[in-house]
Amino acid sequence: MTTRTTTARRRALALAATGASLALVLAACSDPDGEGGTGDETGGGSASAAGIDCAAYDEFGDLDGKTVSVYTSIVDPEGATQQDSYKAFEECTGVTIDYEASREFEAQLLVRIKAGNAPDIAYLPQPGLLNTIATDYPDAIQPAPDATAANVDEFWNETWKGYGTVDGTFYSAPLGANAKSFVWYSPSMFSDAGYEIPQTWTELMDLTQQIRDDTGGQVWCAGVESGDATGWPGTDFIEDMMLRTAGVEDYEKWYTHEIPFNDPKVVKAWDTAGEVLKNPDYVNAGLGGVDSIATQSWTDAGNGIIDQTCWMHRAANFYQTQWPEGTEVSEQGDVFAFYLPTDQTDVKPMLGGGEFVAAFNDRPEVQAFQTYLASADWANQKALSTPDGGWVSANSGLDPNNLATEFDQYVAGVLTDPETVVAFDASDLMPGEVGAGTFWTGIVQWLTGASTQEATDKIEASWPK
């Protein structure tokens, strides 16, 4: 994967910042009553009510009665909003979307490809996995059609298109975008205790110690269990620390293997994460010792904040969807999140991620669905179909007014902050056997007793020659 420069990332954010203006134009075009939105404020309504352009799919012919199979790691509750966002396309075209989600997606997709039983569409959470598939199974994966590429060229920055390209061939359009550098907390607990939101990493660690001194309890809660994908939440923590201790340029050299996985700069990032994750005085609130992080489900790990047995939990914006039903996510509510701070003064790194749409069949109905998913129509339908929030996109056609929650608006603001530099999830850009393999297992081994040097040496030895 080609290294992206800091300048390119800043340019990407500058372009993204124009998205609000473009979105207003798009909303006006699709909103005949001029009152904002796309005409279906409940989400998942009819194509005519949603204001999407069905003529965009005429070039694919008569698709009525056809079916497109989708395989993904996006399970409920996020899976339900995904399926709701397809209803306008299904009404437009007569195509039925057969949606299948699995927590074992990463392992099972390759099994299905090898067996000749690939789905029509798969949502790849790692560009590194795309590279593996395109390299090892070039006859299975299909290049994106021209109509899909045209939408990506119009609505996405070229950096995102690059993540979906292998050896000059564009395969996978971006889908959603994740922002991962956040710390969840209880506003009322902070307010009652007189704690302020830390503005630097040093202040965050000072606050951690202060809470420990004041309460005598453990401060952070964490969990990395996720079925066959166990370990991935820990890689996010390491990546955030790599951005904050080594900087963006060395971060990029790390995932491209210009520096080895066990380089001293990488070891420092792991050790900095360990100041929280491997300190028994700080973790794992109400759940057990440090090693319990390896077996605690990431979906439930933050619930200690609701129970007031935990003060902080580092997790992405999409963790918003994991809170128990009825939880109010706002600055005056039950939970909210603040930006994971840095001691850096010249840059505000944000760890990002997203899914990419890969096709394993080039039937017209499959290409039509790929094109829909890369459109502004789909981005706005997805926003309107997600009334509880927890989803954002880097699609410039997305009207930010359609984002459901105060937190989603906050995330959008962080992403468009001129000082923010978005760095794509490193494990997702590494070769699949590392980024979705030994890095994940290395996290588990590290949490259950291995030293930082042992863990990073083992991962380095696994890097494909």
Protein backbone atom coordinates (compact mmCIF):
# COMPACT_ATOMS: atom_id res chain seq x y z
CA MET A 1 0.00 0.00 0.00
CA THR A 2 1.44 3.39 -1.02
CA THR A 3 2.36 5.68 1.85
CA ARG A 4 0.04 8.69 2.19
CA THR A 5 1.64 11.91 3.35
CA THR A 6 0.49 14.26 6.09
CA THR A 7 -0.08 16.90 3.42
CA ALA A 8 -2.40 14.59 1.54
CA ARG A 9 -4.36 13.92 4.70
CA ARG A 10 -4.73 17.63 5.43
CA ARG A 11 -5.92 18.17 1.86
CA ALA A 12 -8.43 15.36 2.33
CA LEU A 13 -9.85 17.06 5.39
CA ALA A 14 -10.00 20.41 3.64
CA LEU A 15 -12.05 18.84 0.89
CA ALA A 16 -14.24 17.06 3.41
CA ALA A 17 -14.96 20.38 5.07
CA THR A 18 -16.69 21.53 1.87
CA GLY A 19 -19.08 18.60 2.18
CA ALA A 20 -21.61 20.55 4.21
CA SER A 21 -22.02 23.11 1.41
CA LEU A 22 -22.34 20.42 -1.24
CA ALA A 23 -24.77 18.50 0.95
CA LEU A 24 -27.08 21.51 1.13
CA VAL A 25 -27.23 21.62 -2.66
CA LEU A 26 -27.93 17.90 -2.84
CA ALA A 27 -30.61 18.14 -0.17
CA ALA A 28 -32.32 20.95 -2.06
CA CYS A 29 -32.34 18.88 -5.24
CA SER A 30 -33.89 15.89 -3.51
CA ASP A 31 -36.27 17.80 -1.23
CA PRO A 32 -39.17 19.30 -3.19
CA ASP A 33 -40.77 20.89 -0.14
CA GLY A 34 -37.53 22.68 0.74
CA GLU A 35 -37.66 21.77 4.40
CA GLY A 36 -34.40 19.84 4.62
CA GLY A 37 -33.56 16.16 4.80
CA THR A 38 -34.44 13.74 2.03
CA GLY A 39 -38.15 13.59 2.68
CA ASP A 40 -38.21 10.43 4.81
CA GLU A 41 -37.28 11.43 8.34
CA THR A 42 -38.02 7.98 9.71
CA GLY A 43 -35.62 6.24 7.34
CA GLY A 44 -36.18 3.20 5.19
CA GLY A 45 -39.18 4.70 3.40
CA SER A 46 -40.19 4.60 -0.25
CA ALA A 47 -37.82 5.70 -2.99
CA SER A 48 -40.20 8.47 -4.02
CA ALA A 49 -40.48 9.73 -0.45
CA ALA A 50 -36.74 9.52 -0.01
CA GLY A 51 -36.18 11.57 -3.15
CA ILE A 52 -33.53 9.30 -4.64
CA ASP A 53 -32.95 9.18 -8.38
CA CYS A 54 -34.14 5.79 -9.61
CA ALA A 55 -33.06 6.68 -13.15
CA ALA A 56 -29.47 6.21 -12.01
CA TYR A 57 -30.03 2.45 -12.25
CA ASP A 58 -31.70 2.33 -15.66
CA GLU A 59 -28.38 1.57 -17.34
CA PHE A 60 -28.28 -1.81 -15.60
CA GLY A 61 -31.47 -3.01 -17.30
CA ASP A 62 -34.53 -4.73 -15.87
CA LEU A 63 -33.49 -5.96 -12.42
CA ASP A 64 -36.93 -6.82 -11.06
CA GLY A 65 -36.94 -10.11 -9.15
CA LYS A 66 -33.14 -10.34 -8.89
CA THR A 67 -31.29 -11.01 -5.62
CA VAL A 68 -27.92 -9.77 -4.39
CA SER A 69 -26.24 -11.57 -1.47
CA VAL A 70 -24.27 -9.47 1.03
CA TYR A 71 -21.84 -10.88 3.62
CA THR A 72 -20.48 -8.64 6.36
CA SER A 73 -19.23 -8.33 9.92
CA ILE A 74 -21.85 -5.63 10.64
CA VAL A 75 -24.20 -7.41 13.03
CA ASP A 76 -27.27 -6.08 14.84
CA PRO A 77 -28.08 -3.48 15.97
CA GLU A 78 -25.99 -1.82 13.26
CA GLY A 79 -27.01 -4.56 10.83
CA ALA A 80 -30.67 -3.61 11.13
CA THR A 81 -30.00 -0.01 10.09
CA GLN A 82 -27.87 -1.24 7.22
CA GLN A 83 -30.79 -3.25 5.89
CA ASP A 84 -33.21 -0.36 6.37
CA SER A 85 -30.97 1.82 4.22
CA TYR A 86 -31.39 -0.57 1.27
CA LYS A 87 -35.19 -0.24 1.05
CA ALA A 88 -35.16 2.72 -1.34
CA PHE A 89 -32.84 0.82 -3.72
CA GLU A 90 -35.01 -2.29 -3.52
CA GLU A 91 -38.10 -0.24 -4.39
CA CYS A 92 -36.31 1.51 -7.25
CA THR A 93 -34.98 -1.63 -8.88
CA GLY A 94 -37.04 -4.58 -7.66
CA VAL A 95 -33.83 -6.19 -6.37
CA THR A 96 -33.89 -8.07 -3.07
CA ILE A 97 -30.83 -7.73 -0.83
CA ASP A 98 -30.06 -10.97 1.02
CA TYR A 99 -28.09 -9.78 4.08
CA GLU A 100 -25.90 -12.12 6.14
CA ALA A 101 -23.75 -10.89 9.05
CA SER A 102 -21.25 -12.83 11.14
CA ARG A 103 -18.75 -12.09 13.90
CA GLU A 104 -16.52 -14.68 12.20
CA PHE A 105 -16.60 -12.78 8.90
CA GLU A 106 -12.84 -12.25 8.50
CA ALA A 107 -12.02 -15.95 8.85
CA GLN A 108 -15.04 -17.30 7.00
CA LEU A 109 -14.87 -15.03 3.94
CA LEU A 110 -11.56 -16.51 2.77
CA VAL A 111 -12.91 -20.01 3.40
CA ARG A 112 -15.90 -19.25 1.20
CA ILE A 113 -13.76 -17.73 -1.54
CA LYS A 114 -11.47 -20.77 -1.57
CA ALA A 115 -14.51 -23.06 -1.76
CA GLY A 116 -15.97 -21.14 -4.71
CA ASN A 117 -18.89 -20.00 -2.56
CA ALA A 118 -18.18 -16.28 -2.31
CA PRO A 119 -21.09 -13.87 -1.74
CA ASP A 120 -22.02 -11.36 -4.42
CA ILE A 121 -20.89 -8.51 -2.16
CA ALA A 122 -18.71 -8.42 0.95
CA TYR A 123 -17.93 -5.42 3.16
CA LEU A 124 -14.21 -5.59 3.87
CA PRO A 125 -13.15 -3.85 7.10
CA GLN A 126 -9.47 -4.01 6.14
CA PRO A 127 -7.86 -2.71 2.94
CA GLY A 128 -5.13 -5.20 3.80
CA LEU A 129 -7.69 -7.97 3.38
CA LEU A 130 -8.64 -6.49 0.01
CA ASN A 131 -4.99 -6.61 -1.04
CA THR A 132 -4.74 -10.26 0.06
CA ILE A 133 -7.86 -11.24 -1.88
CA ALA A 134 -6.88 -9.31 -5.02
CA THR A 135 -3.38 -10.82 -4.92
CA ASP A 136 -4.21 -14.40 -3.98
CA TYR A 137 -7.64 -14.76 -5.65
CA PRO A 138 -7.57 -12.38 -8.63
CA ASP A 139 -10.14 -14.45 -10.54
CA ALA A 140 -12.66 -14.21 -7.70
CA ILE A 141 -12.86 -10.48 -7.05
CA GLN A 142 -14.33 -8.11 -9.64
CA PRO A 143 -13.20 -4.56 -10.48
CA ALA A 144 -15.74 -1.88 -9.60
CA PRO A 145 -17.98 -0.82 -12.51
CA ASP A 146 -17.61 2.59 -14.12
CA ALA A 147 -20.78 3.94 -12.50
CA THR A 148 -19.46 3.08 -9.04
CA ALA A 149 -16.10 4.66 -9.79
CA ALA A 150 -17.86 7.82 -11.00
CA ASN A 151 -19.70 8.13 -7.68
CA VAL A 152 -16.49 7.65 -5.72
CA ASP A 153 -14.73 10.28 -7.84
CA GLU A 154 -17.58 12.70 -7.17
CA PHE A 155 -18.25 12.14 -3.48
CA TRP A 156 -15.04 10.83 -1.93
CA ASN A 157 -11.54 12.19 -1.62
CA GLU A 158 -8.99 10.39 -3.81
CA THR A 159 -7.21 9.05 -0.71
CA TRP A 160 -10.24 6.86 0.05
CA LYS A 161 -10.31 5.58 -3.52
CA GLY A 162 -6.65 4.65 -3.12
CA TYR A 163 -7.48 2.38 -0.19
CA GLY A 164 -9.83 0.45 -2.48
CA THR A 165 -7.25 0.10 -5.26
CA VAL A 166 -4.71 -2.70 -5.70
CA ASP A 167 -1.95 -2.54 -8.33
CA GLY A 168 -3.76 0.19 -10.22
CA THR A 169 -7.15 -1.55 -10.35
CA PHE A 170 -10.04 0.02 -8.44
CA TYR A 171 -12.03 -2.73 -6.74
CA SER A 172 -13.77 -1.44 -3.64
CA ALA A 173 -15.72 1.72 -2.96
CA PRO A 174 -15.69 3.03 0.61
CA LEU A 175 -18.86 2.59 2.64
CA GLY A 176 -18.95 4.10 6.13
CA ALA A 177 -16.17 5.92 7.99
CA ASN A 178 -15.20 5.40 11.61
CA ALA A 179 -13.51 7.78 14.01
CA LYS A 180 -11.81 5.83 16.76
CA SER A 181 -9.86 8.22 19.00
CA PHE A 182 -12.42 8.74 21.76
CA VAL A 183 -12.76 8.13 25.48
CA TRP A 184 -16.27 7.40 26.78
CA TYR A 185 -17.26 8.68 30.22
CA SER A 186 -20.22 9.63 32.42
CA PRO A 187 -20.79 13.42 32.37
CA SER A 188 -22.63 13.29 35.69
CA MET A 189 -19.86 11.30 37.42
CA PHE A 190 -17.24 13.77 36.18
CA SER A 191 -19.37 16.75 37.19
CA ASP A 192 -20.19 15.40 40.64
CA ALA A 193 -16.50 14.67 41.30
CA GLY A 194 -15.35 18.03 39.90
CA TYR A 195 -13.25 16.46 37.13
CA GLU A 196 -12.61 18.32 33.88
CA ILE A 197 -12.08 16.85 30.42
CA PRO A 198 -8.30 16.41 29.94
CA GLN A 199 -6.77 18.32 27.04
CA THR A 200 -3.44 16.45 26.80
CA TRP A 201 -2.25 12.87 27.30
CA THR A 202 -0.34 14.00 30.39
CA GLU A 203 -3.53 15.49 31.83
CA LEU A 204 -5.39 12.25 31.05
CA MET A 205 -2.83 10.17 32.93
CA ASP A 206 -2.85 12.67 35.82
CA LEU A 207 -6.65 12.39 35.95
CA THR A 208 -6.39 8.60 35.91
CA GLN A 209 -4.12 8.68 38.94
CA GLN A 210 -6.32 11.27 40.66
CA ILE A 211 -9.42 9.09 40.26
CA ARG A 212 -7.47 6.13 41.59
CA ASP A 213 -6.32 8.17 44.60
CA ASP A 214 -9.78 9.62 45.24
CA THR A 215 -11.77 6.41 44.90
CA GLY A 216 -9.34 3.58 45.54
CA GLY A 217 -10.93 1.74 42.65
CA GLN A 218 -9.93 0.86 39.13
CA VAL A 219 -10.45 3.67 36.65
CA TRP A 220 -10.62 2.15 33.17
CA CYS A 221 -12.61 -0.74 31.76
CA ALA A 222 -11.63 -2.59 28.60
CA GLY A 223 -12.38 -5.71 26.60
CA VAL A 224 -11.00 -7.16 23.37
CA GLU A 225 -13.01 -10.40 22.96
CA SER A 226 -14.76 -10.49 19.58
CA GLY A 227 -15.11 -14.10 18.43
CA ASP A 228 -12.65 -14.98 15.68
CA ALA A 229 -11.64 -11.31 15.62
CA THR A 230 -10.62 -11.22 19.30
CA GLY A 231 -7.86 -8.68 19.88
CA TRP A 232 -8.83 -5.99 17.39
CA PRO A 233 -9.95 -3.38 19.97
CA GLY A 234 -6.47 -3.62 21.50
CA THR A 235 -4.84 -2.91 18.14
CA ASP A 236 -6.81 0.34 17.99
CA PHE A 237 -5.34 1.40 21.34
CA ILE A 238 -1.80 0.62 20.11
CA GLU A 239 -2.41 2.55 16.88
CA ASP A 240 -3.66 5.58 18.79
CA MET A 241 -0.51 5.51 20.89
CA MET A 242 1.70 5.09 17.81
CA LEU A 243 0.16 8.23 16.33
CA ARG A 244 0.71 10.12 19.58
CA THR A 245 4.24 8.95 20.46
CA ALA A 246 5.85 8.37 17.06
CA GLY A 247 3.84 10.71 14.84
CA VAL A 248 1.99 10.32 11.56
CA GLU A 249 5.02 9.81 9.31
CA ASP A 250 6.47 6.98 11.38
CA TYR A 251 2.97 5.54 11.75
CA GLU A 252 2.80 5.24 7.96
CA LYS A 253 6.28 3.72 7.81
CA TRP A 254 5.09 1.16 10.37
CA TYR A 255 2.09 -0.16 8.45
CA THR A 256 4.05 -0.20 5.18
CA HIS A 257 6.90 -2.04 6.96
CA GLU A 258 9.47 0.62 6.20
CA ILE A 259 10.28 0.22 9.87
CA PRO A 260 9.92 -3.23 11.50
CA PHE A 261 7.06 -4.12 13.79
CA ASN A 262 9.47 -4.39 16.72
CA ASP A 263 11.17 -1.03 16.08
CA PRO A 264 11.86 0.90 19.32
CA LYS A 265 9.23 3.48 18.31
CA VAL A 266 6.61 0.74 18.06
CA VAL A 267 7.71 -0.77 21.38
CA LYS A 268 7.30 2.67 22.98
CA ALA A 269 3.74 2.92 21.67
CA TRP A 270 2.87 -0.50 23.14
CA ASP A 271 4.43 0.45 26.47
CA THR A 272 2.48 3.73 26.52
CA ALA A 273 -0.76 1.82 25.96
CA GLY A 274 0.39 -0.51 28.72
CA GLU A 275 0.44 2.41 31.16
CA VAL A 276 -3.33 1.93 31.13
CA LEU A 277 -4.06 -1.57 29.87
CA LYS A 278 -1.40 -3.45 31.84
CA ASN A 279 -1.61 -1.49 35.09
CA PRO A 280 -3.71 -3.52 37.57
CA ASP A 281 -4.37 -0.35 39.58
CA TYR A 282 -6.13 1.22 36.59
CA VAL A 283 -7.97 -1.71 34.94
CA ASN A 284 -10.25 -3.70 34.63
CA ALA A 285 -12.99 -2.02 36.67
CA GLY A 286 -15.48 -4.52 38.05
CA LEU A 287 -14.41 -7.21 35.59
CA GLY A 288 -11.22 -8.78 36.96
CA GLY A 289 -7.47 -8.46 36.51
CA VAL A 290 -5.51 -7.31 33.48
CA ASP A 291 -5.88 -10.70 31.83
CA SER A 292 -9.70 -10.39 31.97
CA ILE A 293 -9.44 -7.79 29.20
CA ALA A 294 -8.64 -10.63 26.79
CA THR A 295 -11.88 -12.47 27.57
CA GLN A 296 -14.22 -9.53 28.17
CA SER A 297 -16.50 -8.87 25.20
CA TRP A 298 -15.75 -5.52 23.59
CA THR A 299 -19.49 -4.93 23.14
CA ASP A 300 -20.14 -5.00 26.91
CA ALA A 301 -16.82 -3.73 28.23
CA GLY A 302 -17.98 -0.14 28.67
CA ASN A 303 -21.09 -0.96 30.69
CA GLY A 304 -19.24 -0.21 33.91
CA ILE A 305 -19.75 3.46 33.08
CA ILE A 306 -23.52 2.93 33.21
CA ASP A 307 -23.12 0.95 36.45
CA GLN A 308 -20.74 3.63 37.80
CA THR A 309 -18.05 1.03 38.46
CA CYS A 310 -15.92 2.39 35.65
CA TRP A 311 -14.87 5.94 34.81
CA MET A 312 -13.44 5.73 31.29
CA HIS A 313 -13.48 3.44 28.27
CA ARG A 314 -11.50 4.02 25.06
CA ALA A 315 -13.63 3.11 22.04
CA ALA A 316 -14.65 4.34 18.60
CA ASN A 317 -17.63 6.49 17.66
CA PHE A 318 -19.59 3.37 16.69
CA TYR A 319 -19.52 2.19 20.30
CA GLN A 320 -22.51 4.49 20.62
CA THR A 321 -24.64 1.63 19.30
CA GLN A 322 -23.47 -0.77 22.03
CA TRP A 323 -24.90 1.08 25.02
CA PRO A 324 -27.94 -0.57 26.65
CA GLU A 325 -31.31 0.44 25.28
CA GLY A 326 -32.50 3.70 26.78
CA THR A 327 -29.00 5.12 27.39
CA GLU A 328 -28.89 8.83 26.60
CA VAL A 329 -25.74 9.78 24.69
CA SER A 330 -25.18 13.50 25.15
CA GLU A 331 -23.14 15.97 27.18
CA GLN A 332 -26.01 16.15 29.66
CA GLY A 333 -26.93 12.46 29.37
CA ASP A 334 -25.78 9.11 30.70
CA VAL A 335 -22.65 8.83 28.57
CA PHE A 336 -20.63 10.92 26.18
CA ALA A 337 -17.10 10.85 24.80
CA PHE A 338 -14.16 13.19 24.50
CA TYR A 339 -11.28 13.19 22.04
CA LEU A 340 -8.38 10.99 23.16
CA PRO A 341 -5.88 13.78 23.80
CA THR A 342 -2.26 14.12 22.79
CA ASP A 343 0.75 16.00 24.08
CA GLN A 344 1.54 16.98 20.48
CA THR A 345 1.01 20.67 19.75
CA ASP A 346 1.28 20.70 15.96
CA VAL A 347 -1.18 17.99 15.03
CA LYS A 348 -4.39 16.39 16.26
CA PRO A 349 -4.28 12.74 15.12
CA MET A 350 -7.52 10.86 14.63
CA LEU A 351 -7.46 7.11 14.08
CA GLY A 352 -9.97 6.28 11.37
CA GLY A 353 -11.38 3.28 9.61
CA GLY A 354 -14.16 2.11 7.40
CA GLU A 355 -15.57 -0.66 5.27
CA PHE A 356 -15.05 -1.25 1.55
CA VAL A 357 -17.49 -2.86 -0.86
CA ALA A 358 -15.96 -5.82 -2.71
CA ALA A 359 -17.84 -7.71 -5.43
CA PHE A 360 -17.35 -11.34 -6.41
CA ASN A 361 -19.87 -11.28 -9.23
CA ASP A 362 -20.37 -8.77 -12.03
CA ARG A 363 -24.08 -9.39 -12.72
CA PRO A 364 -25.97 -6.14 -13.51
CA GLU A 365 -27.89 -6.19 -10.22
CA VAL A 366 -24.64 -6.52 -8.27
CA GLN A 367 -23.10 -3.58 -10.13
CA ALA A 368 -26.24 -1.51 -9.56
CA PHE A 369 -26.08 -2.14 -5.83
CA GLN A 370 -22.37 -1.24 -5.74
CA THR A 371 -23.25 2.03 -7.44
CA TYR A 372 -26.01 2.78 -4.93
CA LEU A 373 -23.70 2.18 -1.97
CA ALA A 374 -21.17 4.68 -3.37
CA SER A 375 -23.81 7.39 -3.86
CA ALA A 376 -24.91 10.40 -1.83
CA ASP A 377 -28.40 8.87 -1.90
CA TRP A 378 -27.25 5.88 0.12
CA ALA A 379 -25.21 7.96 2.57
CA ASN A 380 -28.24 10.07 3.41
CA GLN A 381 -30.54 7.04 3.56
CA LYS A 382 -28.13 5.38 5.98
CA ALA A 383 -28.05 8.47 8.18
CA LEU A 384 -31.85 8.66 8.20
CA SER A 385 -32.10 4.93 8.87
CA THR A 386 -29.91 5.25 11.97
CA PRO A 387 -32.14 7.16 14.41
CA ASP A 388 -30.05 6.16 17.43
CA GLY A 389 -26.82 7.35 15.83
CA GLY A 390 -23.39 5.76 15.81
CA TRP A 391 -22.69 6.16 12.10
CA VAL A 392 -20.84 8.76 10.02
CA SER A 393 -19.35 8.83 6.55
CA ALA A 394 -16.69 10.67 4.59
CA ASN A 395 -19.06 10.85 1.60
CA SER A 396 -19.21 14.57 0.78
CA GLY A 397 -22.82 14.21 -0.33
CA LEU A 398 -23.95 13.40 3.19
CA ASP A 399 -26.06 16.20 4.68
CA PRO A 400 -24.74 16.55 8.26
CA ASN A 401 -28.23 17.60 9.34
CA ASN A 402 -29.31 14.01 8.70
CA LEU A 403 -26.92 12.68 11.35
CA ALA A 404 -29.02 11.50 14.25
CA THR A 405 -27.31 12.49 17.47
CA GLU A 406 -25.37 15.20 19.21
CA PHE A 407 -22.40 12.86 19.35
CA ASP A 408 -22.47 12.18 15.59
CA GLN A 409 -22.44 15.93 15.02
CA TYR A 410 -19.51 16.19 17.43
CA VAL A 411 -17.63 13.46 15.54
CA ALA A 412 -18.23 15.28 12.27
CA GLY A 413 -16.83 18.43 13.87
CA VAL A 414 -13.67 16.64 15.02
CA LEU A 415 -13.18 15.15 11.56
CA THR A 416 -13.42 18.59 9.93
CA ASP A 417 -11.22 20.38 12.48
CA PRO A 418 -8.36 21.98 10.48
CA GLU A 419 -5.84 20.56 12.99
CA THR A 420 -7.14 17.01 12.67
CA VAL A 421 -5.12 14.55 10.63
CA VAL A 422 -6.99 11.32 9.93
CA ALA A 423 -4.79 8.23 9.82
CA PHE A 424 -6.42 5.03 8.58
CA ASP A 425 -6.37 2.05 10.93
CA ALA A 426 -2.88 0.54 10.51
CA SER A 427 -3.91 -3.06 11.12
CA ASP A 428 -6.44 -2.69 8.31
CA LEU A 429 -3.65 -1.61 5.94
CA MET A 430 -1.17 -4.32 6.91
CA PRO A 431 -1.09 -7.70 5.15
CA GLY A 432 -4.11 -9.70 6.27
CA GLU A 433 -2.05 -12.38 8.03
CA VAL A 434 -0.58 -9.65 10.25
CA GLY A 435 -3.25 -6.97 10.60
CA ALA A 436 -6.10 -9.45 11.03
CA GLY A 437 -3.90 -12.24 12.36
CA THR A 438 -0.77 -12.04 14.47
CA PHE A 439 -1.45 -8.45 15.58
CA TRP A 440 -4.79 -9.58 17.04
CA THR A 441 -3.35 -12.68 18.70
CA GLY A 442 -0.33 -10.69 19.87
CA ILE A 443 -2.63 -8.36 21.77
CA VAL A 444 -4.16 -11.33 23.61
CA GLN A 445 -0.74 -12.78 24.44
CA TRP A 446 0.45 -9.36 25.67
CA LEU A 447 -2.56 -8.93 27.93
CA THR A 448 -2.14 -12.41 29.36
CA GLY A 449 1.54 -12.23 30.23
CA ALA A 450 3.84 -11.67 27.24
CA SER A 451 6.18 -8.68 27.39
CA THR A 452 5.98 -5.93 24.80
CA GLN A 453 9.24 -7.07 23.23
CA GLU A 454 8.06 -10.69 23.04
CA ALA A 455 4.77 -9.68 21.44
CA THR A 456 6.28 -7.32 18.87
CA ASP A 457 9.14 -9.70 18.00
CA LYS A 458 6.64 -12.47 17.29
CA ILE A 459 4.51 -10.24 15.08
CA GLU A 460 7.56 -9.02 13.19
CA ALA A 461 8.60 -12.61 12.52
CA SER A 462 5.18 -13.26 10.95
CA TRP A 463 5.41 -10.43 8.41
CA PRO A 464 5.32 -11.97 4.92
CA LYS A 465 8.69 -11.94 3.21
